[in-house]
PDB file of N, CA and C in Angstrom:
ATOM      1  N   MET A   1     -13.725 -72.312  53.881  1.00  0.00           N
ATOM      2  CA  MET A   1     -14.959 -71.885  53.264  1.00  0.00           C
ATOM      3  C   MET A   1     -14.842 -72.089  51.758  1.00  0.00           C
ATOM      4  N   ASP A   2     -14.877 -73.329  51.348  1.00  0.00           N
ATOM      5  CA  ASP A   2     -14.718 -73.664  49.944  1.00  0.00           C
ATOM      6  C   ASP A   2     -15.828 -73.106  49.067  1.00  0.00           C
ATOM      7  N   PHE A   3     -16.989 -72.835  49.655  1.00  0.00           N
ATOM      8  CA  PHE A   3     -18.137 -72.393  48.863  1.00  0.00           C
ATOM      9  C   PHE A   3     -18.037 -70.936  48.461  1.00  0.00           C
ATOM     10  N   LEU A   4     -17.116 -70.177  49.033  1.00  0.00           N
ATOM     11  CA  LEU A   4     -16.939 -68.779  48.647  1.00  0.00           C
ATOM     12  C   LEU A   4     -15.967 -68.687  47.491  1.00  0.00           C
ATOM     13  N   SER A   5     -16.303 -67.872  46.534  1.00  0.00           N
ATOM     14  CA  SER A   5     -15.404 -67.693  45.396  1.00  0.00           C
ATOM     15  C   SER A   5     -14.380 -66.617  45.714  1.00  0.00           C
ATOM     16  N   SER A   6     -13.524 -66.365  44.772  1.00  0.00           N
ATOM     17  CA  SER A   6     -12.533 -65.300  44.963  1.00  0.00           C
ATOM     18  C   SER A   6     -13.128 -63.930  44.672  1.00  0.00           C
ATOM     19  N   CYS A   7     -14.376 -63.888  44.216  1.00  0.00           N
ATOM     20  CA  CYS A   7     -15.034 -62.611  43.885  1.00  0.00           C
ATOM     21  C   CYS A   7     -15.969 -62.206  45.022  1.00  0.00           C
ATOM     22  N   VAL A   8     -15.492 -61.360  45.891  1.00  0.00           N
ATOM     23  CA  VAL A   8     -16.291 -60.856  47.004  1.00  0.00           C
ATOM     24  C   VAL A   8     -16.271 -59.342  46.933  1.00  0.00           C
ATOM     25  N   TYR A   9     -17.429 -58.729  46.917  1.00  0.00           N
ATOM     26  CA  TYR A   9     -17.544 -57.275  46.832  1.00  0.00           C
ATOM     27  C   TYR A   9     -18.299 -56.761  48.048  1.00  0.00           C
ATOM     28  N   TYR A  10     -17.787 -55.708  48.672  1.00  0.00           N
ATOM     29  CA  TYR A  10     -18.423 -55.101  49.836  1.00  0.00           C
ATOM     30  C   TYR A  10     -18.932 -53.715  49.475  1.00  0.00           C
ATOM     31  N   TYR A  11     -20.096 -53.363  50.032  1.00  0.00           N
ATOM     32  CA  TYR A  11     -20.693 -52.060  49.794  1.00  0.00           C
ATOM     33  C   TYR A  11     -21.139 -51.483  51.127  1.00  0.00           C
ATOM     34  N   ASP A  12     -20.819 -50.229  51.386  1.00  0.00           N
ATOM     35  CA  ASP A  12     -21.313 -49.562  52.590  1.00  0.00           C
ATOM     36  C   ASP A  12     -22.796 -49.258  52.435  1.00  0.00           C
ATOM     37  N   CYS A  13     -23.528 -49.371  53.529  1.00  0.00           N
ATOM     38  CA  CYS A  13     -24.925 -48.955  53.550  1.00  0.00           C
ATOM     39  C   CYS A  13     -24.939 -47.501  54.010  1.00  0.00           C
ATOM     40  N   PRO A  14     -25.204 -46.564  53.122  1.00  0.00           N
ATOM     41  CA  PRO A  14     -25.057 -45.145  53.453  1.00  0.00           C
ATOM     42  C   PRO A  14     -25.955 -44.671  54.595  1.00  0.00           C
ATOM     43  N   ASP A  15     -27.100 -45.320  54.795  1.00  0.00           N
ATOM     44  CA  ASP A  15     -28.027 -44.884  55.837  1.00  0.00           C
ATOM     45  C   ASP A  15     -27.763 -45.536  57.186  1.00  0.00           C
ATOM     46  N   ASP A  16     -26.861 -46.489  57.239  1.00  0.00           N
ATOM     47  CA  ASP A  16     -26.622 -47.204  58.488  1.00  0.00           C
ATOM     48  C   ASP A  16     -25.160 -47.637  58.544  1.00  0.00           C
ATOM     49  N   LYS A  17     -24.394 -47.023  59.401  1.00  0.00           N
ATOM     50  CA  LYS A  17     -22.954 -47.286  59.492  1.00  0.00           C
ATOM     51  C   LYS A  17     -22.622 -48.611  60.185  1.00  0.00           C
ATOM     52  N   GLU A  18     -23.619 -49.295  60.772  1.00  0.00           N
ATOM     53  CA  GLU A  18     -23.367 -50.561  61.434  1.00  0.00           C
ATOM     54  C   GLU A  18     -23.461 -51.748  60.479  1.00  0.00           C
ATOM     55  N   TYR A  19     -23.936 -51.518  59.260  1.00  0.00           N
ATOM     56  CA  TYR A  19     -24.164 -52.608  58.324  1.00  0.00           C
ATOM     57  C   TYR A  19     -23.440 -52.374  57.020  1.00  0.00           C
ATOM     58  N   PHE A  20     -23.232 -53.457  56.298  1.00  0.00           N
ATOM     59  CA  PHE A  20     -22.701 -53.371  54.944  1.00  0.00           C
ATOM     60  C   PHE A  20     -23.397 -54.432  54.110  1.00  0.00           C
ATOM     61  N   SER A  21     -23.271 -54.301  52.831  1.00  0.00           N
ATOM     62  CA  SER A  21     -23.833 -55.258  51.882  1.00  0.00           C
ATOM     63  C   SER A  21     -22.671 -55.879  51.131  1.00  0.00           C
ATOM     64  N   THR A  22     -22.843 -57.118  50.737  1.00  0.00           N
ATOM     65  CA  THR A  22     -21.803 -57.778  49.963  1.00  0.00           C
ATOM     66  C   THR A  22     -22.429 -58.581  48.838  1.00  0.00           C
ATOM     67  N   SER A  23     -21.686 -58.778  47.814  1.00  0.00           N
ATOM     68  CA  SER A  23     -22.104 -59.609  46.693  1.00  0.00           C
ATOM     69  C   SER A  23     -21.048 -60.691  46.524  1.00  0.00           C
ATOM     70  N   VAL A  24     -21.478 -61.941  46.593  1.00  0.00           N
ATOM     71  CA  VAL A  24     -20.547 -63.058  46.570  1.00  0.00           C
ATOM     72  C   VAL A  24     -21.103 -64.144  45.650  1.00  0.00           C
ATOM     73  N   GLU A  25     -20.242 -64.705  44.831  1.00  0.00           N
ATOM     74  CA  GLU A  25     -20.633 -65.859  44.033  1.00  0.00           C
ATOM     75  C   GLU A  25     -20.338 -67.108  44.863  1.00  0.00           C
ATOM     76  N   VAL A  26     -21.361 -67.949  45.069  1.00  0.00           N
ATOM     77  CA  VAL A  26     -21.206 -69.141  45.899  1.00  0.00           C
ATOM     78  C   VAL A  26     -21.878 -70.340  45.256  1.00  0.00           C
ATOM     79  N   GLN A  27     -21.536 -71.512  45.761  1.00  0.00           N
ATOM     80  CA  GLN A  27     -22.287 -72.718  45.462  1.00  0.00           C
ATOM     81  C   GLN A  27     -23.275 -72.872  46.605  1.00  0.00           C
ATOM     82  N   SER A  28     -24.547 -72.838  46.297  1.00  0.00           N
ATOM     83  CA  SER A  28     -25.549 -72.854  47.378  1.00  0.00           C
ATOM     84  C   SER A  28     -25.843 -74.285  47.814  1.00  0.00           C
ATOM     85  N   ASP A  29     -24.836 -74.928  48.396  1.00  0.00           N
ATOM     86  CA  ASP A  29     -25.014 -76.278  48.904  1.00  0.00           C
ATOM     87  C   ASP A  29     -25.303 -76.218  50.404  1.00  0.00           C
ATOM     88  N   GLU A  30     -25.437 -77.372  51.018  1.00  0.00           N
ATOM     89  CA  GLU A  30     -25.772 -77.427  52.448  1.00  0.00           C
ATOM     90  C   GLU A  30     -24.711 -76.747  53.305  1.00  0.00           C
ATOM     91  N   GLY A  31     -23.444 -76.813  52.900  1.00  0.00           N
ATOM     92  CA  GLY A  31     -22.383 -76.149  53.660  1.00  0.00           C
ATOM     93  C   GLY A  31     -22.576 -74.649  53.705  1.00  0.00           C
ATOM     94  N   PHE A  32     -22.890 -74.061  52.560  1.00  0.00           N
ATOM     95  CA  PHE A  32     -23.130 -72.622  52.508  1.00  0.00           C
ATOM     96  C   PHE A  32     -24.370 -72.251  53.311  1.00  0.00           C
ATOM     97  N   LEU A  33     -25.451 -73.014  53.144  1.00  0.00           N
ATOM     98  CA  LEU A  33     -26.695 -72.695  53.845  1.00  0.00           C
ATOM     99  C   LEU A  33     -26.515 -72.805  55.359  1.00  0.00           C
ATOM    100  N   GLY A  34     -25.770 -73.816  55.813  1.00  0.00           N
ATOM    101  CA  GLY A  34     -25.486 -73.955  57.240  1.00  0.00           C
ATOM    102  C   GLY A  34     -24.623 -72.815  57.755  1.00  0.00           C
ATOM    103  N   TRP A  35     -23.677 -72.373  56.940  1.00  0.00           N
ATOM    104  CA  TRP A  35     -22.819 -71.246  57.303  1.00  0.00           C
ATOM    105  C   TRP A  35     -23.658 -69.988  57.490  1.00  0.00           C
ATOM    106  N   VAL A  36     -24.580 -69.728  56.564  1.00  0.00           N
ATOM    107  CA  VAL A  36     -25.465 -68.561  56.677  1.00  0.00           C
ATOM    108  C   VAL A  36     -26.324 -68.682  57.933  1.00  0.00           C
ATOM    109  N   ALA A  37     -26.862 -69.868  58.185  1.00  0.00           N
ATOM    110  CA  ALA A  37     -27.703 -70.078  59.371  1.00  0.00           C
ATOM    111  C   ALA A  37     -26.926 -69.802  60.654  1.00  0.00           C
ATOM    112  N   GLY A  38     -25.632 -70.044  60.629  1.00  0.00           N
ATOM    113  CA  GLY A  38     -24.791 -69.809  61.800  1.00  0.00           C
ATOM    114  C   GLY A  38     -24.697 -68.347  62.208  1.00  0.00           C
ATOM    115  N   PHE A  39     -25.112 -67.443  61.340  1.00  0.00           N
ATOM    116  CA  PHE A  39     -25.099 -66.023  61.672  1.00  0.00           C
ATOM    117  C   PHE A  39     -26.367 -65.594  62.410  1.00  0.00           C
ATOM    118  N   ASP A  40     -27.248 -66.554  62.690  1.00  0.00           N
ATOM    119  CA  ASP A  40     -28.411 -66.321  63.545  1.00  0.00           C
ATOM    120  C   ASP A  40     -29.279 -65.145  63.087  1.00  0.00           C
ATOM    121  N   GLY A  41     -29.524 -65.074  61.777  1.00  0.00           N
ATOM    122  CA  GLY A  41     -30.398 -64.025  61.255  1.00  0.00           C
ATOM    123  C   GLY A  41     -29.716 -62.722  60.904  1.00  0.00           C
ATOM    124  N   ASP A  42     -28.407 -62.632  61.141  1.00  0.00           N
ATOM    125  CA  ASP A  42     -27.691 -61.394  60.829  1.00  0.00           C
ATOM    126  C   ASP A  42     -27.261 -61.311  59.367  1.00  0.00           C
ATOM    127  N   VAL A  43     -27.501 -62.374  58.597  1.00  0.00           N
ATOM    128  CA  VAL A  43     -27.214 -62.387  57.162  1.00  0.00           C
ATOM    129  C   VAL A  43     -28.524 -62.611  56.431  1.00  0.00           C
ATOM    130  N   ILE A  44     -28.763 -61.834  55.402  1.00  0.00           N
ATOM    131  CA  ILE A  44     -29.977 -61.969  54.599  1.00  0.00           C
ATOM    132  C   ILE A  44     -29.572 -62.275  53.168  1.00  0.00           C
ATOM    133  N   ILE A  45     -30.095 -63.357  52.630  1.00  0.00           N
ATOM    134  CA  ILE A  45     -29.867 -63.687  51.225  1.00  0.00           C
ATOM    135  C   ILE A  45     -30.920 -62.929  50.425  1.00  0.00           C
ATOM    136  N   THR A  46     -30.477 -61.993  49.610  1.00  0.00           N
ATOM    137  CA  THR A  46     -31.423 -61.174  48.834  1.00  0.00           C
ATOM    138  C   THR A  46     -31.657 -61.726  47.437  1.00  0.00           C
ATOM    139  N   GLY A  47     -30.872 -62.650  47.004  1.00  0.00           N
ATOM    140  CA  GLY A  47     -31.072 -63.243  45.695  1.00  0.00           C
ATOM    141  C   GLY A  47     -29.880 -64.094  45.348  1.00  0.00           C
ATOM    142  N   PRO A  48     -29.998 -64.855  44.303  1.00  0.00           N
ATOM    143  CA  PRO A  48     -31.165 -65.019  43.444  1.00  0.00           C
ATOM    144  C   PRO A  48     -32.268 -65.827  44.132  1.00  0.00           C
ATOM    145  N   ASP A  49     -33.438 -65.827  43.521  1.00  0.00           N
ATOM    146  CA  ASP A  49     -34.611 -66.466  44.125  1.00  0.00           C
ATOM    147  C   ASP A  49     -34.402 -67.946  44.406  1.00  0.00           C
ATOM    148  N   ASN A  50     -33.654 -68.655  43.540  1.00  0.00           N
ATOM    149  CA  ASN A  50     -33.456 -70.089  43.781  1.00  0.00           C
ATOM    150  C   ASN A  50     -32.610 -70.336  45.033  1.00  0.00           C
ATOM    151  N   VAL A  51     -31.687 -69.434  45.354  1.00  0.00           N
ATOM    152  CA  VAL A  51     -30.886 -69.584  46.575  1.00  0.00           C
ATOM    153  C   VAL A  51     -31.738 -69.242  47.795  1.00  0.00           C
ATOM    154  N   ARG A  52     -32.577 -68.219  47.681  1.00  0.00           N
ATOM    155  CA  ARG A  52     -33.498 -67.889  48.779  1.00  0.00           C
ATOM    156  C   ARG A  52     -34.432 -69.066  49.058  1.00  0.00           C
ATOM    157  N   SER A  53     -34.930 -69.687  47.999  1.00  0.00           N
ATOM    158  CA  SER A  53     -35.814 -70.852  48.152  1.00  0.00           C
ATOM    159  C   SER A  53     -35.076 -72.023  48.791  1.00  0.00           C
ATOM    160  N   ALA A  54     -33.849 -72.266  48.355  1.00  0.00           N
ATOM    161  CA  ALA A  54     -33.050 -73.347  48.935  1.00  0.00           C
ATOM    162  C   ALA A  54     -32.818 -73.098  50.424  1.00  0.00           C
ATOM    163  N   TYR A  55     -32.596 -71.853  50.808  1.00  0.00           N
ATOM    164  CA  TYR A  55     -32.370 -71.524  52.210  1.00  0.00           C
ATOM    165  C   TYR A  55     -33.640 -71.736  53.035  1.00  0.00           C
ATOM    166  N   ARG A  56     -34.779 -71.322  52.485  1.00  0.00           N
ATOM    167  CA  ARG A  56     -36.055 -71.572  53.183  1.00  0.00           C
ATOM    168  C   ARG A  56     -36.262 -73.065  53.403  1.00  0.00           C
ATOM    169  N   GLU A  57     -35.999 -73.860  52.371  1.00  0.00           N
ATOM    170  CA  GLU A  57     -36.153 -75.316  52.488  1.00  0.00           C
ATOM    171  C   GLU A  57     -35.190 -75.884  53.525  1.00  0.00           C
ATOM    172  N   TYR A  58     -33.967 -75.397  53.539  1.00  0.00           N
ATOM    173  CA  TYR A  58     -32.970 -75.844  54.519  1.00  0.00           C
ATOM    174  C   TYR A  58     -33.456 -75.550  55.937  1.00  0.00           C
ATOM    175  N   LEU A  59     -33.924 -74.323  56.159  1.00  0.00           N
ATOM    176  CA  LEU A  59     -34.395 -73.948  57.493  1.00  0.00           C
ATOM    177  C   LEU A  59     -35.628 -74.752  57.891  1.00  0.00           C
ATOM    178  N   GLN A  60     -36.521 -75.000  56.933  1.00  0.00           N
ATOM    179  CA  GLN A  60     -37.720 -75.793  57.237  1.00  0.00           C
ATOM    180  C   GLN A  60     -37.333 -77.203  57.677  1.00  0.00           C
ATOM    181  N   LYS A  61     -36.372 -77.809  57.002  1.00  0.00           N
ATOM    182  CA  LYS A  61     -35.901 -79.139  57.397  1.00  0.00           C
ATOM    183  C   LYS A  61     -35.328 -79.122  58.802  1.00  0.00           C
ATOM    184  N   GLN A  62     -34.573 -78.068  59.138  1.00  0.00           N
ATOM    185  CA  GLN A  62     -34.005 -77.959  60.480  1.00  0.00           C
ATOM    186  C   GLN A  62     -35.104 -77.835  61.531  1.00  0.00           C
ATOM    187  N   LEU A  63     -36.128 -77.032  61.226  1.00  0.00           N
ATOM    188  CA  LEU A  63     -37.250 -76.884  62.159  1.00  0.00           C
ATOM    189  C   LEU A  63     -37.996 -78.188  62.353  1.00  0.00           C
ATOM    190  N   GLU A  64     -38.176 -78.935  61.287  1.00  0.00           N
ATOM    191  CA  GLU A  64     -38.890 -80.200  61.388  1.00  0.00           C
ATOM    192  C   GLU A  64     -38.170 -81.176  62.309  1.00  0.00           C
ATOM    193  N   LEU A  65     -36.845 -81.121  62.331  1.00  0.00           N
ATOM    194  CA  LEU A  65     -36.084 -81.979  63.241  1.00  0.00           C
ATOM    195  C   LEU A  65     -36.443 -81.715  64.702  1.00  0.00           C
ATOM    196  N   TYR A  66     -36.696 -80.467  65.027  1.00  0.00           N
ATOM    197  CA  TYR A  66     -36.955 -80.089  66.407  1.00  0.00           C
ATOM    198  C   TYR A  66     -38.435 -80.002  66.737  1.00  0.00           C
ATOM    199  N   ASN A  67     -39.283 -79.955  65.722  1.00  0.00           N
ATOM    200  CA  ASN A  67     -40.718 -79.923  65.965  1.00  0.00           C
ATOM    201  C   ASN A  67     -41.300 -81.311  66.132  1.00  0.00           C
ATOM    202  N   SER A  68     -40.620 -82.345  65.634  1.00  0.00           N
ATOM    203  CA  SER A  68     -41.113 -83.702  65.788  1.00  0.00           C
ATOM    204  C   SER A  68     -40.789 -84.179  67.207  1.00  0.00           C
ATOM    205  N   GLU A  69     -41.618 -85.062  67.704  1.00  0.00           N
ATOM    206  CA  GLU A  69     -41.397 -85.567  69.062  1.00  0.00           C
ATOM    207  C   GLU A  69     -40.212 -86.518  69.067  1.00  0.00           C
ATOM    208  N   ALA A  70     -39.433 -86.442  70.122  1.00  0.00           N
ATOM    209  CA  ALA A  70     -38.276 -87.326  70.266  1.00  0.00           C
ATOM    210  C   ALA A  70     -38.738 -88.767  70.410  1.00  0.00           C
ATOM    211  N   LYS A  71     -37.987 -89.655  69.808  1.00  0.00           N
ATOM    212  CA  LYS A  71     -38.350 -91.097  69.890  1.00  0.00           C
ATOM    213  C   LYS A  71     -37.375 -91.828  70.748  1.00  0.00           C
TER     214      LYS A  71
END
Protein backbone atom coordinates (compact mmCIF):
# COMPACT_ATOMS: atom_id res chain seq x y z
CA MET A 1 0.00 0.00 0.00
CA ASP A 2 2.44 2.60 -1.24
CA PHE A 3 -0.23 5.31 -1.21
CA LEU A 4 -0.50 5.28 2.59
CA SER A 5 1.88 7.49 4.47
CA SER A 6 3.50 6.73 7.78
CA CYS A 7 1.04 9.14 9.46
CA VAL A 8 -2.10 7.20 10.31
CA TYR A 9 -4.33 8.30 13.18
CA TYR A 10 -7.27 6.32 14.58
CA TYR A 11 -10.18 7.75 16.56
CA ASP A 12 -12.93 5.86 18.37
CA CYS A 13 -16.49 6.81 17.51
CA PRO A 14 -17.95 7.34 21.00
CA ASP A 15 -21.56 6.71 19.92
CA ASP A 16 -20.86 3.49 18.03
CA LYS A 17 -18.39 0.85 19.21
CA GLU A 18 -18.45 -0.97 15.84
CA TYR A 19 -16.84 1.92 13.95
CA PHE A 20 -13.77 4.09 14.11
CA SER A 21 -12.51 7.12 12.25
CA THR A 22 -9.05 7.56 10.85
CA SER A 23 -7.04 10.38 9.36
CA VAL A 24 -4.48 9.39 6.75
CA GLU A 25 -2.30 11.37 4.38
CA VAL A 26 -2.45 9.69 0.95
CA GLN A 27 -1.79 10.23 -2.71
CA SER A 28 -5.26 10.11 -4.22
CA ASP A 29 -4.31 8.18 -7.34
CA GLU A 30 -6.19 5.34 -9.02
CA GLY A 31 -4.54 2.79 -6.71
CA PHE A 32 -5.88 4.50 -3.61
CA LEU A 33 -9.33 5.04 -5.12
CA GLY A 34 -9.54 1.37 -6.17
CA TRP A 35 -8.44 0.31 -2.69
CA VAL A 36 -11.23 2.39 -1.12
CA ALA A 37 -13.75 0.96 -3.61
CA GLY A 38 -12.69 -2.52 -2.52
CA PHE A 39 -14.27 -1.89 0.88
CA ASP A 40 -17.70 -1.96 -0.79
CA GLY A 41 -19.02 1.22 0.82
CA ASP A 42 -17.63 0.55 4.29
CA VAL A 43 -15.12 3.42 3.90
CA ILE A 44 -16.25 7.02 3.52
CA ILE A 45 -13.91 9.74 2.30
CA THR A 46 -14.92 12.82 4.28
CA GLY A 47 -12.38 15.18 2.80
CA PRO A 48 -10.72 17.02 1.34
CA ASP A 49 -13.26 17.93 -1.33
CA ASN A 50 -10.85 17.31 -4.23
CA VAL A 51 -10.32 13.70 -3.08
CA ARG A 52 -14.09 13.19 -2.69
CA SER A 53 -14.54 14.56 -6.22
CA ALA A 54 -11.80 12.30 -7.59
CA TYR A 55 -13.50 9.30 -5.97
CA ARG A 56 -16.89 10.21 -7.46
CA GLU A 57 -15.26 10.49 -10.89
CA TYR A 58 -13.50 7.14 -10.41
CA LEU A 59 -16.76 5.42 -9.46
CA GLN A 60 -18.61 7.06 -12.37
CA LYS A 61 -16.01 5.71 -14.81
CA GLN A 62 -16.41 2.23 -13.32
CA LEU A 63 -20.20 2.43 -13.68
CA GLU A 64 -19.92 3.56 -17.28
CA LEU A 65 -17.92 0.42 -18.07
CA TYR A 66 -20.82 -1.73 -16.95
CA ASN A 67 -23.67 0.47 -18.13
CA SER A 68 -22.52 0.44 -21.76
CA GLU A 69 -23.63 -2.47 -23.90
CA ALA A 70 -21.07 -5.19 -24.50
CA LYS A 71 -19.57 -5.20 -27.98
